[in-house]
Amino acid sequence: MTTLSALWLPLLLSSVFVFLVSSIIHMVLPWHKGDYGTVPDQDRFMDAVRPFAIPPGDYMVPRPADMKDYKTPEFAARIARGPVMVLTVMPNAMMSMGRNFVLWFLYIMVTGLLGAYIASRALAPGADYLAVFRYVACVSFAGYALGLWQMAIWYRRGWALTAKATFDGLIYALVTAGTFGWLWPR
């Protein structure tokens, strides 16, 4: 068993490395350029929904009041009439990249910390690089990628977008695991 306090350096460095790799993937490479399509005639769409002043949040349209409502012919007609949407409404302001970067870095740290915790319980100082790599990679991959699949399954998030984000998660997990394997206490 290894103490978590002995893993502060691989945790910090792997977080920095994943942050840098994710920045390259999202800002330099064209990999995610077409992730989201444009609503046809978006200005007219925005003009049509603006009067509703929908507060920021997540919504489903149409949404049944309860399971009884879900089974009614009226609700079935709403579905057939469409559109059927799951949407996220964000505040009417430019996105704060600083806030997002801080939250993303914290998420990377928590994911790395979970990998560190599992590996530290299973492995002693001086453990083989590959043993450390396997534990940290599996846990990190689960943290970075598996939760995305729920959105594709239940809310019909695009499978292509989910697959790309899952591949990103694999890259992040490999970077995290490689860093921990390299810097595991001897």
N, C-alpha and C. Protein backbone atom coordinates (compact mmCIF):
# COMPACT_ATOMS: atom_id res chain seq x y z
N MET A 1 0.84 -1.18 0.00
CA MET A 1 0.00 0.00 0.00
C MET A 1 0.89 1.25 0.00
N THR A 2 0.45 2.26 -0.72
CA THR A 2 1.20 3.52 -0.83
C THR A 2 0.33 4.64 -0.25
N THR A 3 0.95 5.56 0.44
CA THR A 3 0.17 6.67 0.98
C THR A 3 -0.20 7.64 -0.15
N LEU A 4 -1.39 8.21 -0.04
CA LEU A 4 -1.82 9.19 -1.05
C LEU A 4 -0.92 10.41 -1.05
N SER A 5 -0.42 10.78 0.10
CA SER A 5 0.44 11.96 0.17
C SER A 5 1.72 11.78 -0.64
N ALA A 6 2.13 10.55 -0.88
CA ALA A 6 3.32 10.29 -1.70
C ALA A 6 3.04 10.46 -3.19
N LEU A 7 1.77 10.67 -3.53
CA LEU A 7 1.38 10.74 -4.95
C LEU A 7 1.02 12.15 -5.39
N TRP A 8 1.37 13.17 -4.61
CA TRP A 8 1.00 14.54 -4.98
C TRP A 8 1.65 14.97 -6.29
N LEU A 9 2.92 14.57 -6.53
CA LEU A 9 3.61 15.00 -7.75
C LEU A 9 3.00 14.37 -9.00
N PRO A 10 2.80 13.04 -9.04
CA PRO A 10 2.16 12.50 -10.24
C PRO A 10 0.73 13.02 -10.44
N LEU A 11 0.02 13.28 -9.34
CA LEU A 11 -1.33 13.82 -9.46
C LEU A 11 -1.30 15.22 -10.09
N LEU A 12 -0.44 16.06 -9.59
CA LEU A 12 -0.35 17.43 -10.10
C LEU A 12 0.16 17.45 -11.55
N LEU A 13 1.24 16.72 -11.82
CA LEU A 13 1.80 16.73 -13.18
C LEU A 13 0.85 16.09 -14.19
N SER A 14 0.22 14.98 -13.81
CA SER A 14 -0.72 14.35 -14.76
C SER A 14 -1.88 15.28 -15.05
N SER A 15 -2.33 16.04 -14.06
CA SER A 15 -3.42 16.99 -14.27
C SER A 15 -3.00 18.09 -15.25
N VAL A 16 -1.79 18.59 -15.08
CA VAL A 16 -1.27 19.61 -16.00
C VAL A 16 -1.14 19.02 -17.41
N PHE A 17 -0.61 17.81 -17.51
CA PHE A 17 -0.44 17.18 -18.83
C PHE A 17 -1.78 16.95 -19.52
N VAL A 18 -2.77 16.44 -18.78
CA VAL A 18 -4.10 16.21 -19.38
C VAL A 18 -4.72 17.54 -19.79
N PHE A 19 -4.57 18.56 -18.97
CA PHE A 19 -5.10 19.88 -19.31
C PHE A 19 -4.49 20.37 -20.62
N LEU A 20 -3.19 20.22 -20.77
CA LEU A 20 -2.51 20.65 -22.00
C LEU A 20 -2.94 19.81 -23.21
N VAL A 21 -3.01 18.51 -23.04
CA VAL A 21 -3.44 17.63 -24.14
C VAL A 21 -4.88 17.96 -24.54
N SER A 22 -5.75 18.16 -23.57
CA SER A 22 -7.15 18.48 -23.89
C SER A 22 -7.25 19.83 -24.59
N SER A 23 -6.40 20.76 -24.22
CA SER A 23 -6.40 22.07 -24.88
C SER A 23 -5.98 21.93 -26.34
N ILE A 24 -4.99 21.11 -26.59
CA ILE A 24 -4.55 20.87 -27.97
C ILE A 24 -5.65 20.18 -28.76
N ILE A 25 -6.26 19.17 -28.18
CA ILE A 25 -7.34 18.44 -28.87
C ILE A 25 -8.49 19.38 -29.23
N HIS A 26 -8.88 20.24 -28.30
CA HIS A 26 -10.05 21.08 -28.53
C HIS A 26 -9.77 22.41 -29.23
N MET A 27 -8.55 22.92 -29.14
CA MET A 27 -8.29 24.24 -29.71
C MET A 27 -7.41 24.23 -30.96
N VAL A 28 -6.63 23.19 -31.13
CA VAL A 28 -5.71 23.15 -32.26
C VAL A 28 -6.17 22.16 -33.33
N LEU A 29 -6.48 20.96 -32.91
CA LEU A 29 -6.89 19.92 -33.86
C LEU A 29 -8.33 20.14 -34.31
N PRO A 30 -8.67 19.73 -35.53
CA PRO A 30 -10.05 19.91 -36.02
C PRO A 30 -11.01 18.82 -35.54
N TRP A 31 -10.56 17.95 -34.66
CA TRP A 31 -11.28 16.77 -34.20
C TRP A 31 -12.71 17.08 -33.73
N HIS A 32 -12.93 18.16 -33.00
CA HIS A 32 -14.25 18.47 -32.44
C HIS A 32 -14.96 19.63 -33.15
N LYS A 33 -14.41 20.06 -34.27
CA LYS A 33 -14.95 21.23 -34.96
C LYS A 33 -16.43 21.09 -35.32
N GLY A 34 -16.86 19.92 -35.74
CA GLY A 34 -18.24 19.72 -36.16
C GLY A 34 -19.12 19.00 -35.16
N ASP A 35 -18.79 19.08 -33.89
CA ASP A 35 -19.55 18.33 -32.88
C ASP A 35 -21.02 18.75 -32.80
N TYR A 36 -21.29 20.03 -32.96
CA TYR A 36 -22.66 20.52 -32.81
C TYR A 36 -23.10 21.18 -34.10
N GLY A 37 -24.27 20.76 -34.58
CA GLY A 37 -24.83 21.36 -35.78
C GLY A 37 -25.52 22.67 -35.47
N THR A 38 -25.89 23.37 -36.52
CA THR A 38 -26.62 24.64 -36.39
C THR A 38 -28.09 24.38 -36.65
N VAL A 39 -28.95 24.94 -35.83
CA VAL A 39 -30.40 24.84 -36.04
C VAL A 39 -30.72 25.59 -37.34
N PRO A 40 -31.53 24.99 -38.22
CA PRO A 40 -31.90 25.72 -39.44
C PRO A 40 -32.56 27.06 -39.09
N ASP A 41 -32.16 28.08 -39.81
CA ASP A 41 -32.68 29.44 -39.59
C ASP A 41 -32.61 29.81 -38.11
N GLN A 42 -31.38 29.75 -37.57
CA GLN A 42 -31.20 29.94 -36.13
C GLN A 42 -31.67 31.30 -35.62
N ASP A 43 -31.56 32.34 -36.41
CA ASP A 43 -32.03 33.65 -35.95
C ASP A 43 -33.54 33.63 -35.73
N ARG A 44 -34.26 33.03 -36.64
CA ARG A 44 -35.72 32.94 -36.49
C ARG A 44 -36.09 32.05 -35.31
N PHE A 45 -35.34 30.95 -35.13
CA PHE A 45 -35.56 30.06 -33.99
C PHE A 45 -35.35 30.84 -32.68
N MET A 46 -34.25 31.57 -32.60
CA MET A 46 -33.96 32.35 -31.39
C MET A 46 -35.02 33.41 -31.14
N ASP A 47 -35.47 34.08 -32.22
CA ASP A 47 -36.53 35.08 -32.09
C ASP A 47 -37.82 34.45 -31.58
N ALA A 48 -38.09 33.20 -32.02
CA ALA A 48 -39.33 32.52 -31.63
C ALA A 48 -39.33 32.12 -30.16
N VAL A 49 -38.18 31.69 -29.63
CA VAL A 49 -38.15 31.22 -28.24
C VAL A 49 -37.78 32.31 -27.24
N ARG A 50 -37.19 33.40 -27.69
CA ARG A 50 -36.77 34.48 -26.80
C ARG A 50 -37.90 35.00 -25.90
N PRO A 51 -39.14 35.21 -26.42
CA PRO A 51 -40.21 35.74 -25.56
C PRO A 51 -40.54 34.85 -24.35
N PHE A 52 -40.16 33.58 -24.39
CA PHE A 52 -40.44 32.70 -23.27
C PHE A 52 -39.51 32.95 -22.08
N ALA A 53 -38.39 33.63 -22.31
CA ALA A 53 -37.41 33.93 -21.25
C ALA A 53 -37.12 32.69 -20.42
N ILE A 54 -36.75 31.63 -21.09
CA ILE A 54 -36.48 30.36 -20.42
C ILE A 54 -35.23 30.53 -19.55
N PRO A 55 -35.35 30.28 -18.26
CA PRO A 55 -34.17 30.41 -17.39
C PRO A 55 -33.13 29.34 -17.72
N PRO A 56 -31.85 29.62 -17.45
CA PRO A 56 -30.83 28.61 -17.68
C PRO A 56 -31.18 27.31 -16.97
N GLY A 57 -30.95 26.21 -17.66
CA GLY A 57 -31.24 24.89 -17.09
C GLY A 57 -31.39 23.87 -18.19
N ASP A 58 -31.75 22.66 -17.79
CA ASP A 58 -31.94 21.55 -18.72
C ASP A 58 -33.43 21.27 -18.85
N TYR A 59 -33.86 21.05 -20.09
CA TYR A 59 -35.29 20.89 -20.37
C TYR A 59 -35.52 19.75 -21.35
N MET A 60 -36.73 19.22 -21.30
CA MET A 60 -37.19 18.21 -22.22
C MET A 60 -38.51 18.70 -22.81
N VAL A 61 -38.63 18.62 -24.14
CA VAL A 61 -39.84 19.09 -24.82
C VAL A 61 -40.27 18.04 -25.82
N PRO A 62 -41.50 17.57 -25.81
CA PRO A 62 -42.48 17.76 -24.74
C PRO A 62 -42.11 16.91 -23.53
N ARG A 63 -42.56 17.31 -22.39
CA ARG A 63 -42.29 16.58 -21.16
C ARG A 63 -43.62 16.25 -20.50
N PRO A 64 -43.85 14.96 -20.23
CA PRO A 64 -45.10 14.60 -19.57
C PRO A 64 -45.09 15.03 -18.11
N ALA A 65 -46.25 15.31 -17.58
CA ALA A 65 -46.38 15.70 -16.18
C ALA A 65 -46.06 14.51 -15.27
N ASP A 66 -46.41 13.31 -15.71
CA ASP A 66 -46.16 12.09 -14.95
C ASP A 66 -46.31 10.90 -15.90
N MET A 67 -46.19 9.69 -15.39
CA MET A 67 -46.28 8.49 -16.23
C MET A 67 -47.68 8.31 -16.83
N LYS A 68 -48.70 8.76 -16.10
CA LYS A 68 -50.05 8.68 -16.65
C LYS A 68 -50.16 9.55 -17.90
N ASP A 69 -49.64 10.78 -17.79
CA ASP A 69 -49.66 11.72 -18.92
C ASP A 69 -48.90 11.15 -20.11
N TYR A 70 -47.81 10.45 -19.82
CA TYR A 70 -46.97 9.87 -20.87
C TYR A 70 -47.76 8.90 -21.75
N LYS A 71 -48.74 8.25 -21.17
CA LYS A 71 -49.51 7.21 -21.88
C LYS A 71 -50.76 7.74 -22.57
N THR A 72 -51.00 9.04 -22.52
CA THR A 72 -52.23 9.59 -23.10
C THR A 72 -52.08 9.83 -24.60
N PRO A 73 -53.20 9.81 -25.32
CA PRO A 73 -53.16 10.12 -26.75
C PRO A 73 -52.71 11.56 -27.02
N GLU A 74 -53.02 12.47 -26.09
CA GLU A 74 -52.62 13.87 -26.26
C GLU A 74 -51.08 14.00 -26.24
N PHE A 75 -50.44 13.26 -25.33
CA PHE A 75 -48.98 13.33 -25.26
C PHE A 75 -48.37 12.67 -26.50
N ALA A 76 -48.94 11.56 -26.94
CA ALA A 76 -48.46 10.90 -28.16
C ALA A 76 -48.57 11.85 -29.36
N ALA A 77 -49.64 12.66 -29.40
CA ALA A 77 -49.82 13.62 -30.48
C ALA A 77 -48.75 14.71 -30.42
N ARG A 78 -48.41 15.15 -29.21
CA ARG A 78 -47.33 16.15 -29.07
C ARG A 78 -46.01 15.60 -29.61
N ILE A 79 -45.74 14.35 -29.28
CA ILE A 79 -44.51 13.72 -29.76
C ILE A 79 -44.53 13.65 -31.28
N ALA A 80 -45.64 13.22 -31.84
CA ALA A 80 -45.75 13.09 -33.29
C ALA A 80 -45.65 14.44 -33.99
N ARG A 81 -46.19 15.48 -33.37
CA ARG A 81 -46.17 16.81 -33.95
C ARG A 81 -44.76 17.41 -33.91
N GLY A 82 -44.01 17.09 -32.83
CA GLY A 82 -42.63 17.55 -32.69
C GLY A 82 -42.52 19.05 -32.57
N PRO A 83 -41.35 19.57 -32.44
CA PRO A 83 -40.10 18.82 -32.30
C PRO A 83 -39.95 18.22 -30.91
N VAL A 84 -39.17 17.13 -30.84
CA VAL A 84 -38.85 16.47 -29.58
C VAL A 84 -37.41 16.86 -29.27
N MET A 85 -37.20 17.46 -28.11
CA MET A 85 -35.87 17.98 -27.78
C MET A 85 -35.49 17.77 -26.33
N VAL A 86 -34.21 17.60 -26.11
CA VAL A 86 -33.60 17.77 -24.81
C VAL A 86 -32.66 18.94 -25.02
N LEU A 87 -32.83 20.00 -24.25
CA LEU A 87 -32.00 21.17 -24.50
C LEU A 87 -31.46 21.75 -23.21
N THR A 88 -30.32 22.38 -23.35
CA THR A 88 -29.70 23.09 -22.24
C THR A 88 -29.72 24.57 -22.60
N VAL A 89 -30.31 25.36 -21.73
CA VAL A 89 -30.34 26.81 -21.93
C VAL A 89 -29.25 27.40 -21.03
N MET A 90 -28.36 28.18 -21.64
CA MET A 90 -27.27 28.80 -20.89
C MET A 90 -27.59 30.27 -20.69
N PRO A 91 -26.89 30.92 -19.77
CA PRO A 91 -27.13 32.35 -19.55
C PRO A 91 -26.82 33.16 -20.81
N ASN A 92 -27.52 34.28 -20.97
CA ASN A 92 -27.28 35.18 -22.11
C ASN A 92 -26.03 35.99 -21.84
N ALA A 93 -24.89 35.36 -21.96
CA ALA A 93 -23.61 36.04 -21.74
C ALA A 93 -22.54 35.22 -22.44
N MET A 94 -21.45 35.85 -22.78
CA MET A 94 -20.33 35.12 -23.36
C MET A 94 -19.85 34.10 -22.32
N MET A 95 -19.51 32.93 -22.81
CA MET A 95 -19.06 31.86 -21.92
C MET A 95 -17.73 32.27 -21.27
N SER A 96 -17.65 32.09 -19.96
CA SER A 96 -16.43 32.42 -19.23
C SER A 96 -15.47 31.25 -19.33
N MET A 97 -14.48 31.39 -20.18
CA MET A 97 -13.51 30.31 -20.33
C MET A 97 -12.68 30.12 -19.06
N GLY A 98 -12.43 31.20 -18.34
CA GLY A 98 -11.67 31.08 -17.09
C GLY A 98 -12.37 30.16 -16.11
N ARG A 99 -13.66 30.37 -15.91
CA ARG A 99 -14.46 29.52 -15.02
C ARG A 99 -14.42 28.07 -15.50
N ASN A 100 -14.63 27.88 -16.81
CA ASN A 100 -14.64 26.52 -17.36
C ASN A 100 -13.28 25.85 -17.21
N PHE A 101 -12.19 26.59 -17.44
CA PHE A 101 -10.86 26.02 -17.30
C PHE A 101 -10.58 25.60 -15.86
N VAL A 102 -10.99 26.42 -14.90
CA VAL A 102 -10.80 26.08 -13.49
C VAL A 102 -11.59 24.82 -13.14
N LEU A 103 -12.86 24.78 -13.55
CA LEU A 103 -13.68 23.60 -13.26
C LEU A 103 -13.14 22.35 -13.96
N TRP A 104 -12.68 22.50 -15.20
CA TRP A 104 -12.11 21.37 -15.93
C TRP A 104 -10.86 20.86 -15.22
N PHE A 105 -9.99 21.77 -14.77
CA PHE A 105 -8.78 21.35 -14.07
C PHE A 105 -9.13 20.63 -12.77
N LEU A 106 -10.11 21.12 -12.04
CA LEU A 106 -10.54 20.44 -10.81
C LEU A 106 -11.09 19.05 -11.12
N TYR A 107 -11.85 18.94 -12.20
CA TYR A 107 -12.36 17.63 -12.62
C TYR A 107 -11.21 16.67 -12.94
N ILE A 108 -10.20 17.16 -13.65
CA ILE A 108 -9.03 16.35 -13.98
C ILE A 108 -8.35 15.89 -12.69
N MET A 109 -8.22 16.79 -11.72
CA MET A 109 -7.59 16.46 -10.44
C MET A 109 -8.38 15.38 -9.70
N VAL A 110 -9.70 15.52 -9.68
CA VAL A 110 -10.54 14.53 -8.98
C VAL A 110 -10.43 13.17 -9.68
N THR A 111 -10.44 13.16 -10.99
CA THR A 111 -10.31 11.91 -11.73
C THR A 111 -8.96 11.26 -11.44
N GLY A 112 -7.90 12.05 -11.46
CA GLY A 112 -6.57 11.53 -11.13
C GLY A 112 -6.50 11.05 -9.69
N LEU A 113 -7.15 11.77 -8.79
CA LEU A 113 -7.15 11.38 -7.38
C LEU A 113 -7.83 10.02 -7.18
N LEU A 114 -8.91 9.78 -7.90
CA LEU A 114 -9.57 8.47 -7.81
C LEU A 114 -8.65 7.36 -8.30
N GLY A 115 -7.98 7.62 -9.44
CA GLY A 115 -7.01 6.64 -9.93
C GLY A 115 -5.88 6.42 -8.94
N ALA A 116 -5.40 7.51 -8.35
CA ALA A 116 -4.33 7.41 -7.35
C ALA A 116 -4.79 6.61 -6.14
N TYR A 117 -6.01 6.87 -5.70
CA TYR A 117 -6.53 6.17 -4.52
C TYR A 117 -6.58 4.66 -4.75
N ILE A 118 -7.18 4.25 -5.87
CA ILE A 118 -7.30 2.80 -6.15
C ILE A 118 -5.91 2.17 -6.27
N ALA A 119 -5.02 2.80 -7.03
CA ALA A 119 -3.68 2.25 -7.21
C ALA A 119 -2.92 2.23 -5.88
N SER A 120 -3.09 3.27 -5.06
CA SER A 120 -2.36 3.34 -3.78
C SER A 120 -2.82 2.25 -2.81
N ARG A 121 -4.07 1.83 -2.91
CA ARG A 121 -4.57 0.77 -2.03
C ARG A 121 -4.07 -0.60 -2.49
N ALA A 122 -3.83 -0.73 -3.79
CA ALA A 122 -3.47 -2.03 -4.35
C ALA A 122 -1.96 -2.24 -4.49
N LEU A 123 -1.20 -1.15 -4.59
CA LEU A 123 0.22 -1.28 -4.93
C LEU A 123 1.11 -0.62 -3.89
N ALA A 124 2.25 -1.22 -3.69
CA ALA A 124 3.23 -0.68 -2.75
C ALA A 124 4.20 0.24 -3.48
N PRO A 125 4.93 1.05 -2.74
CA PRO A 125 6.01 1.80 -3.38
C PRO A 125 6.94 0.83 -4.11
N GLY A 126 7.45 1.27 -5.24
CA GLY A 126 8.34 0.41 -6.03
C GLY A 126 7.59 -0.53 -6.96
N ALA A 127 6.28 -0.39 -7.04
CA ALA A 127 5.49 -1.27 -7.92
C ALA A 127 5.92 -1.09 -9.37
N ASP A 128 5.74 -2.13 -10.14
CA ASP A 128 6.09 -2.14 -11.55
C ASP A 128 5.28 -1.08 -12.32
N TYR A 129 5.95 -0.44 -13.27
CA TYR A 129 5.31 0.61 -14.09
C TYR A 129 3.99 0.13 -14.67
N LEU A 130 3.99 -1.06 -15.26
CA LEU A 130 2.79 -1.56 -15.94
C LEU A 130 1.64 -1.81 -14.96
N ALA A 131 1.95 -2.26 -13.76
CA ALA A 131 0.90 -2.48 -12.76
C ALA A 131 0.24 -1.14 -12.39
N VAL A 132 1.05 -0.13 -12.15
CA VAL A 132 0.53 1.20 -11.84
C VAL A 132 -0.30 1.71 -13.02
N PHE A 133 0.26 1.56 -14.21
CA PHE A 133 -0.40 2.04 -15.42
C PHE A 133 -1.79 1.41 -15.57
N ARG A 134 -1.90 0.10 -15.37
CA ARG A 134 -3.20 -0.59 -15.53
C ARG A 134 -4.25 -0.05 -14.56
N TYR A 135 -3.91 0.04 -13.29
CA TYR A 135 -4.88 0.52 -12.31
C TYR A 135 -5.33 1.95 -12.61
N VAL A 136 -4.36 2.82 -12.80
CA VAL A 136 -4.68 4.23 -12.99
C VAL A 136 -5.41 4.44 -14.32
N ALA A 137 -5.00 3.74 -15.37
CA ALA A 137 -5.66 3.89 -16.67
C ALA A 137 -7.12 3.45 -16.61
N CYS A 138 -7.39 2.32 -15.98
CA CYS A 138 -8.78 1.83 -15.91
C CYS A 138 -9.68 2.78 -15.13
N VAL A 139 -9.23 3.21 -13.98
CA VAL A 139 -10.05 4.11 -13.17
C VAL A 139 -10.20 5.46 -13.86
N SER A 140 -9.13 5.98 -14.42
CA SER A 140 -9.19 7.28 -15.10
C SER A 140 -10.10 7.22 -16.32
N PHE A 141 -10.00 6.14 -17.09
CA PHE A 141 -10.87 6.00 -18.25
C PHE A 141 -12.34 6.00 -17.83
N ALA A 142 -12.65 5.28 -16.77
CA ALA A 142 -14.03 5.26 -16.27
C ALA A 142 -14.47 6.68 -15.90
N GLY A 143 -13.59 7.43 -15.25
CA GLY A 143 -13.93 8.79 -14.84
C GLY A 143 -14.09 9.75 -16.01
N TYR A 144 -13.25 9.58 -17.02
CA TYR A 144 -13.30 10.51 -18.16
C TYR A 144 -14.36 10.16 -19.20
N ALA A 145 -14.73 8.89 -19.32
CA ALA A 145 -15.51 8.50 -20.49
C ALA A 145 -16.85 7.81 -20.23
N LEU A 146 -16.94 6.94 -19.29
CA LEU A 146 -18.13 6.09 -19.21
C LEU A 146 -19.42 6.83 -18.92
N GLY A 147 -19.36 7.92 -18.17
CA GLY A 147 -20.57 8.69 -17.88
C GLY A 147 -21.19 9.31 -19.13
N LEU A 148 -20.38 9.51 -20.16
CA LEU A 148 -20.88 10.09 -21.41
C LEU A 148 -21.89 9.17 -22.10
N TRP A 149 -21.70 7.88 -21.94
CA TRP A 149 -22.56 6.92 -22.63
C TRP A 149 -24.01 7.01 -22.18
N GLN A 150 -24.23 7.36 -20.91
CA GLN A 150 -25.60 7.50 -20.40
C GLN A 150 -26.37 8.54 -21.21
N MET A 151 -25.69 9.62 -21.54
CA MET A 151 -26.36 10.69 -22.29
C MET A 151 -26.75 10.22 -23.69
N ALA A 152 -25.93 9.38 -24.30
CA ALA A 152 -26.26 8.85 -25.62
C ALA A 152 -27.39 7.83 -25.52
N ILE A 153 -27.37 7.05 -24.48
CA ILE A 153 -28.40 6.01 -24.32
C ILE A 153 -29.76 6.62 -23.98
N TRP A 154 -29.81 7.47 -22.98
CA TRP A 154 -31.08 7.96 -22.47
C TRP A 154 -31.56 9.24 -23.13
N TYR A 155 -30.65 10.10 -23.56
CA TYR A 155 -31.05 11.41 -24.07
C TYR A 155 -30.67 11.61 -25.53
N ARG A 156 -30.27 10.52 -26.17
CA ARG A 156 -29.97 10.50 -27.61
C ARG A 156 -28.91 11.50 -28.03
N ARG A 157 -27.98 11.76 -27.14
CA ARG A 157 -26.80 12.54 -27.53
C ARG A 157 -26.15 11.76 -28.65
N GLY A 158 -25.62 12.41 -29.63
CA GLY A 158 -25.09 11.73 -30.80
C GLY A 158 -24.00 10.72 -30.46
N TRP A 159 -24.09 9.54 -31.08
CA TRP A 159 -23.08 8.51 -30.82
C TRP A 159 -21.73 8.89 -31.38
N ALA A 160 -21.69 9.64 -32.48
CA ALA A 160 -20.39 10.07 -33.02
C ALA A 160 -19.70 11.00 -32.02
N LEU A 161 -20.45 11.95 -31.45
CA LEU A 161 -19.90 12.85 -30.45
C LEU A 161 -19.46 12.06 -29.21
N THR A 162 -20.27 11.10 -28.80
CA THR A 162 -19.94 10.26 -27.65
C THR A 162 -18.68 9.45 -27.91
N ALA A 163 -18.56 8.89 -29.11
CA ALA A 163 -17.37 8.10 -29.45
C ALA A 163 -16.11 8.97 -29.45
N LYS A 164 -16.21 10.17 -30.00
CA LYS A 164 -15.05 11.06 -30.00
C LYS A 164 -14.66 11.45 -28.58
N ALA A 165 -15.64 11.77 -27.76
CA ALA A 165 -15.35 12.15 -26.37
C ALA A 165 -14.81 10.96 -25.58
N THR A 166 -15.27 9.75 -25.90
CA THR A 166 -14.75 8.55 -25.26
C THR A 166 -13.29 8.34 -25.66
N PHE A 167 -12.97 8.57 -26.93
CA PHE A 167 -11.58 8.46 -27.38
C PHE A 167 -10.71 9.51 -26.69
N ASP A 168 -11.24 10.73 -26.54
CA ASP A 168 -10.53 11.76 -25.77
C ASP A 168 -10.26 11.24 -24.36
N GLY A 169 -11.29 10.65 -23.74
CA GLY A 169 -11.15 10.10 -22.38
C GLY A 169 -10.07 9.04 -22.31
N LEU A 170 -9.96 8.22 -23.35
CA LEU A 170 -8.91 7.20 -23.40
C LEU A 170 -7.54 7.87 -23.44
N ILE A 171 -7.40 8.90 -24.26
CA ILE A 171 -6.13 9.62 -24.33
C ILE A 171 -5.79 10.22 -22.96
N TYR A 172 -6.76 10.87 -22.33
CA TYR A 172 -6.52 11.47 -21.01
C TYR A 172 -6.13 10.40 -19.98
N ALA A 173 -6.79 9.25 -20.04
CA ALA A 173 -6.48 8.17 -19.11
C ALA A 173 -5.07 7.64 -19.33
N LEU A 174 -4.66 7.51 -20.58
CA LEU A 174 -3.32 7.03 -20.88
C LEU A 174 -2.25 8.02 -20.42
N VAL A 175 -2.52 9.32 -20.59
CA VAL A 175 -1.59 10.35 -20.12
C VAL A 175 -1.49 10.30 -18.59
N THR A 176 -2.64 10.19 -17.94
CA THR A 176 -2.66 10.11 -16.48
C THR A 176 -1.89 8.88 -15.99
N ALA A 177 -2.19 7.73 -16.59
CA ALA A 177 -1.56 6.48 -16.18
C ALA A 177 -0.06 6.49 -16.46
N GLY A 178 0.33 7.04 -17.60
CA GLY A 178 1.76 7.11 -17.91
C GLY A 178 2.52 7.97 -16.92
N THR A 179 1.91 9.06 -16.52
CA THR A 179 2.55 9.96 -15.55
C THR A 179 2.68 9.28 -14.19
N PHE A 180 1.63 8.61 -13.76
CA PHE A 180 1.69 7.91 -12.47
C PHE A 180 2.70 6.77 -12.52
N GLY A 181 2.73 6.02 -13.62
CA GLY A 181 3.71 4.94 -13.74
C GLY A 181 5.14 5.45 -13.68
N TRP A 182 5.37 6.57 -14.35
CA TRP A 182 6.69 7.20 -14.39
C TRP A 182 7.13 7.71 -13.03
N LEU A 183 6.20 8.34 -12.29
CA LEU A 183 6.54 9.00 -11.03
C LEU A 183 6.11 8.23 -9.78
N TRP A 184 5.74 6.97 -9.95
CA TRP A 184 5.32 6.17 -8.78
C TRP A 184 6.49 6.09 -7.79
N PRO A 185 6.21 6.28 -6.49
CA PRO A 185 7.30 6.24 -5.49
C PRO A 185 8.07 4.93 -5.53
N ARG A 186 9.37 5.04 -5.40
CA ARG A 186 10.25 3.84 -5.44
C ARG A 186 10.48 3.29 -4.07
